[in-house]
Amino acid sequence: MKKHQSIRKLSVLFTAVLLIAVMGVRAQEQQTSMDNGLKPKLGIKGGLNLTTLYSSDVSTDHMKAGFNAGVFAKLPVTRGFSIQPEILYSLKGAKSKYDNFAQGSGEYRFNLGYIEVPVLAVVNLAPNFNIHAGGYAAYLVNANVKNVSNGQIQGATDLNTNDFNRWDFGLAGGVGFDIEHFTLGARYNYGLSHIGKPGNLAGELAGNSKNAGLSIYAGFGF
């Protein structure tokens, strides 16, 4: 319980700090070498996801590796300040361990694949360094649950996309480094909606779990 509360508080604090920085920094004084003329930029990006599910109902959550890939646009508003919408495929989830009377015990890997649309405010703090913060909406396109231990909950591995909530949304914030056409960055995503539908096995297994995790990515802009 304390672990999940700490993760939740840290992620909220992290996002809040980024939002305050976005509002308070004098963005017009900074720009990258690619921002001259305030020209929009399109690009491709992809990288590693390290995700988990946070919930007071899950005894132990284990981080799971996934990936993200897609396209982005960087739309300058003024010198050093841009809006960055993206369209990504993002594989999330977690390895979660359960041990209670109602559900038995075991460890399962939740694999949740989303089409995700983040919209971020990007502020350049230095010519090649930015912070970004905003929100995302996502739609679940594929899902499965795999047994990774000796435990067995009847019907768990039969769960699929229709057993989970299709829509997800949350907050996102991170940092980025722009080197000419290349970009490198890291971002934390903090989900605000439950992944499991109430009244079915997915809802019982997931409880009130929500998505959370770190994305590390590289991209190329045109």
Protein backbone atom coordinates (compact mmCIF):
# COMPACT_ATOMS: atom_id res chain seq x y z
CA MET A 1 0.00 0.00 0.00
CA LYS A 2 2.74 2.45 0.99
CA LYS A 3 4.65 1.63 -2.19
CA HIS A 4 1.68 2.46 -4.42
CA GLN A 5 0.89 5.65 -2.51
CA SER A 6 4.50 6.78 -2.84
CA ILE A 7 4.54 6.11 -6.59
CA ARG A 8 1.27 8.00 -6.99
CA LYS A 9 2.48 11.01 -4.97
CA LEU A 10 5.81 11.18 -6.79
CA SER A 11 4.19 10.99 -10.23
CA VAL A 12 1.65 13.72 -9.37
CA LEU A 13 4.43 15.91 -7.94
CA PHE A 14 6.58 15.32 -11.03
CA THR A 15 3.79 16.36 -13.38
CA ALA A 16 2.90 19.38 -11.24
CA VAL A 17 6.50 20.61 -11.24
CA LEU A 18 6.63 20.33 -15.01
CA LEU A 19 3.37 22.23 -15.45
CA ILE A 20 4.58 25.01 -13.15
CA ALA A 21 7.83 25.23 -15.07
CA VAL A 22 5.95 25.44 -18.36
CA MET A 23 3.90 28.35 -17.10
CA GLY A 24 6.73 30.17 -15.36
CA VAL A 25 9.68 29.94 -17.72
CA ARG A 26 10.36 32.74 -20.21
CA ALA A 27 10.13 30.49 -23.24
CA GLN A 28 10.51 33.28 -25.79
CA GLU A 29 14.18 33.69 -24.87
CA GLN A 30 15.18 30.18 -25.97
CA GLN A 31 15.05 28.29 -29.23
CA THR A 32 16.71 25.35 -30.89
CA SER A 33 18.59 25.53 -34.15
CA MET A 34 15.58 23.93 -35.83
CA ASP A 35 13.10 26.52 -34.49
CA ASN A 36 14.41 29.44 -36.57
CA GLY A 37 11.54 30.85 -38.59
CA LEU A 38 8.97 29.01 -36.44
CA LYS A 39 8.55 26.27 -39.01
CA PRO A 40 6.50 23.20 -38.05
CA LYS A 41 8.31 19.89 -37.92
CA LEU A 42 7.03 16.34 -38.56
CA GLY A 43 8.83 13.23 -37.45
CA ILE A 44 8.88 9.59 -36.43
CA LYS A 45 9.77 8.24 -33.00
CA GLY A 46 9.98 5.01 -31.04
CA GLY A 47 11.47 3.49 -27.93
CA LEU A 48 11.13 1.48 -24.73
CA ASN A 49 8.23 1.42 -22.26
CA LEU A 50 8.75 0.38 -18.63
CA THR A 51 5.22 0.18 -17.29
CA THR A 52 3.25 -1.01 -14.29
CA LEU A 53 -0.28 -0.95 -12.89
CA TYR A 54 -0.89 0.92 -9.66
CA SER A 55 -3.72 -0.03 -7.35
CA SER A 56 -4.48 -0.49 -3.68
CA ASP A 57 -6.00 -3.92 -4.48
CA VAL A 58 -2.85 -5.50 -5.92
CA SER A 59 -0.34 -6.88 -3.42
CA THR A 60 2.71 -6.62 -5.67
CA ASP A 61 3.16 -4.96 -9.06
CA HIS A 62 6.16 -5.72 -11.25
CA MET A 63 7.38 -3.47 -14.02
CA LYS A 64 7.05 -4.88 -17.54
CA ALA A 65 8.96 -3.92 -20.68
CA GLY A 66 7.07 -2.85 -23.79
CA PHE A 67 7.59 -0.41 -26.64
CA ASN A 68 6.20 2.71 -28.27
CA ALA A 69 6.33 3.80 -31.92
CA GLY A 70 4.62 6.40 -34.05
CA VAL A 71 4.68 9.91 -35.49
CA PHE A 72 4.78 13.41 -34.03
CA ALA A 73 4.41 17.03 -35.09
CA LYS A 74 6.10 20.00 -33.43
CA LEU A 75 4.06 23.14 -34.02
CA PRO A 76 5.77 26.37 -32.87
CA VAL A 77 3.52 28.92 -31.20
CA THR A 78 6.20 31.46 -30.37
CA ARG A 79 9.97 31.47 -29.99
CA GLY A 80 10.92 28.55 -27.71
CA PHE A 81 7.35 27.31 -27.14
CA SER A 82 5.60 24.62 -29.19
CA ILE A 83 2.61 22.29 -29.10
CA GLN A 84 3.49 18.68 -29.87
CA PRO A 85 0.70 16.23 -30.80
CA GLU A 86 1.64 12.59 -31.38
CA ILE A 87 0.00 9.37 -32.60
CA LEU A 88 1.63 6.26 -31.11
CA TYR A 89 1.18 2.56 -30.67
CA SER A 90 2.12 1.93 -27.03
CA LEU A 91 2.38 -1.48 -25.36
CA LYS A 92 1.72 -1.20 -21.62
CA GLY A 93 0.77 -3.45 -18.69
CA ALA A 94 2.52 -5.17 -15.82
CA LYS A 95 3.40 -8.45 -14.18
CA SER A 96 1.08 -8.58 -11.16
CA LYS A 97 1.07 -11.00 -8.24
CA TYR A 98 -2.17 -11.86 -6.47
CA ASP A 99 -2.70 -13.79 -3.24
CA ASN A 100 -6.12 -13.69 -1.62
CA PHE A 101 -9.02 -15.98 -0.79
CA ALA A 102 -11.32 -14.87 -3.58
CA GLN A 103 -8.83 -14.99 -6.47
CA GLY A 104 -6.25 -17.48 -5.24
CA SER A 105 -2.56 -16.84 -5.88
CA GLY A 106 -0.48 -16.45 -8.98
CA GLU A 107 1.42 -14.06 -11.18
CA TYR A 108 0.11 -12.81 -14.50
CA ARG A 109 1.43 -10.58 -17.25
CA PHE A 110 -1.07 -8.00 -18.48
CA ASN A 111 -0.26 -6.97 -22.08
CA LEU A 112 -2.25 -3.90 -23.14
CA GLY A 113 -1.71 -2.34 -26.57
CA TYR A 114 -3.06 1.19 -27.14
CA ILE A 115 -3.31 3.71 -29.92
CA GLU A 116 -2.28 6.74 -27.89
CA VAL A 117 -2.60 10.45 -28.68
CA PRO A 118 -0.56 12.71 -26.38
CA VAL A 119 -0.80 16.50 -26.74
CA LEU A 120 2.09 18.28 -25.03
CA ALA A 121 3.27 21.80 -24.36
CA VAL A 122 7.02 21.96 -25.09
CA VAL A 123 9.23 24.67 -23.59
CA ASN A 124 12.91 25.08 -24.50
CA LEU A 125 14.96 25.81 -21.39
CA ALA A 126 18.16 25.84 -23.45
CA PRO A 127 18.90 25.66 -27.19
CA ASN A 128 18.94 21.85 -27.18
CA PHE A 129 16.98 20.99 -24.03
CA ASN A 130 13.25 21.09 -23.38
CA ILE A 131 10.64 20.04 -20.88
CA HIS A 132 7.18 18.96 -21.95
CA ALA A 133 3.91 18.33 -20.16
CA GLY A 134 0.31 17.68 -21.07
CA GLY A 135 -2.19 14.88 -21.33
CA TYR A 136 -3.01 11.84 -23.42
CA ALA A 137 -6.03 9.86 -24.58
CA ALA A 138 -5.68 6.23 -25.66
CA TYR A 139 -7.82 3.49 -27.19
CA LEU A 140 -7.15 -0.19 -26.43
CA VAL A 141 -6.68 -2.21 -29.64
CA ASN A 142 -5.33 -5.50 -28.27
CA ALA A 143 -5.02 -7.16 -24.86
CA ASN A 144 -4.15 -10.51 -23.33
CA VAL A 145 -3.20 -11.98 -19.96
CA LYS A 146 -0.46 -14.62 -19.68
CA ASN A 147 0.25 -16.93 -16.78
CA VAL A 148 3.90 -16.56 -15.70
CA SER A 149 3.81 -18.66 -12.51
CA ASN A 150 2.49 -21.95 -11.14
CA GLY A 151 -0.68 -20.29 -9.90
CA GLN A 152 -3.88 -20.50 -11.91
CA ILE A 153 -7.02 -18.36 -11.87
CA GLN A 154 -9.73 -19.99 -13.94
CA GLY A 155 -10.41 -18.02 -17.13
CA ALA A 156 -7.64 -15.44 -16.67
CA THR A 157 -5.70 -16.39 -19.78
CA ASP A 158 -8.92 -16.29 -21.84
CA LEU A 159 -9.33 -12.56 -21.26
CA ASN A 160 -9.04 -10.35 -24.34
CA THR A 161 -9.62 -6.80 -25.54
CA ASN A 162 -13.39 -6.90 -24.96
CA ASP A 163 -12.89 -7.63 -21.24
CA PHE A 164 -11.05 -4.36 -20.55
CA ASN A 165 -12.07 -0.72 -20.72
CA ARG A 166 -11.28 0.52 -24.22
CA TRP A 167 -10.55 4.15 -23.31
CA ASP A 168 -7.69 5.39 -21.18
CA PHE A 169 -6.53 8.92 -20.42
CA GLY A 170 -3.99 10.56 -18.15
CA LEU A 171 -1.15 13.02 -17.63
CA ALA A 172 2.30 13.01 -19.21
CA GLY A 173 5.51 14.94 -18.65
CA GLY A 174 9.20 14.62 -19.38
CA VAL A 175 12.38 16.04 -20.86
CA GLY A 176 13.88 16.04 -24.35
CA PHE A 177 17.18 16.74 -26.08
CA ASP A 178 17.18 18.05 -29.66
CA ILE A 179 20.34 17.66 -31.75
CA GLU A 180 19.65 19.03 -35.24
CA HIS A 181 17.04 16.64 -36.69
CA PHE A 182 17.39 14.05 -33.92
CA THR A 183 15.56 14.02 -30.61
CA LEU A 184 16.06 11.92 -27.48
CA GLY A 185 13.80 11.97 -24.46
CA ALA A 186 12.15 10.38 -21.45
CA ARG A 187 8.55 10.76 -20.34
CA TYR A 188 6.41 9.60 -17.43
CA ASN A 189 2.76 8.71 -18.09
CA TYR A 190 0.27 8.68 -15.21
CA GLY A 191 -3.08 7.07 -16.01
CA LEU A 192 -6.31 8.37 -14.51
CA SER A 193 -8.79 5.70 -15.66
CA HIS A 194 -9.30 2.09 -14.55
CA ILE A 195 -8.23 -0.59 -17.02
CA GLY A 196 -10.66 -3.33 -15.90
CA LYS A 197 -14.40 -3.40 -16.50
CA PRO A 198 -16.41 -3.81 -13.28
CA GLY A 199 -18.46 -6.97 -12.95
CA ASN A 200 -16.21 -9.36 -14.89
CA LEU A 201 -12.99 -11.30 -14.27
CA ALA A 202 -10.81 -8.56 -15.75
CA GLY A 203 -12.31 -6.11 -13.30
CA GLU A 204 -11.75 -8.51 -10.40
CA LEU A 205 -8.12 -9.19 -11.34
CA ALA A 206 -7.25 -5.58 -12.10
CA GLY A 207 -9.30 -4.08 -9.29
CA ASN A 208 -8.99 -0.31 -9.62
CA SER A 209 -5.63 -0.54 -11.39
CA LYS A 210 -4.48 2.25 -13.70
CA ASN A 211 -1.63 2.49 -16.17
CA ALA A 212 1.64 4.17 -15.24
CA GLY A 213 5.18 4.05 -16.54
CA LEU A 214 8.27 5.53 -18.11
CA SER A 215 8.89 5.87 -21.86
CA ILE A 216 12.38 6.35 -23.29
CA TYR A 217 12.44 7.28 -26.95
CA ALA A 218 14.43 8.51 -29.95
CA GLY A 219 13.07 10.33 -32.95
CA PHE A 220 13.90 11.98 -36.24
CA GLY A 221 12.23 15.16 -37.51
CA PHE A 222 11.83 16.42 -41.05
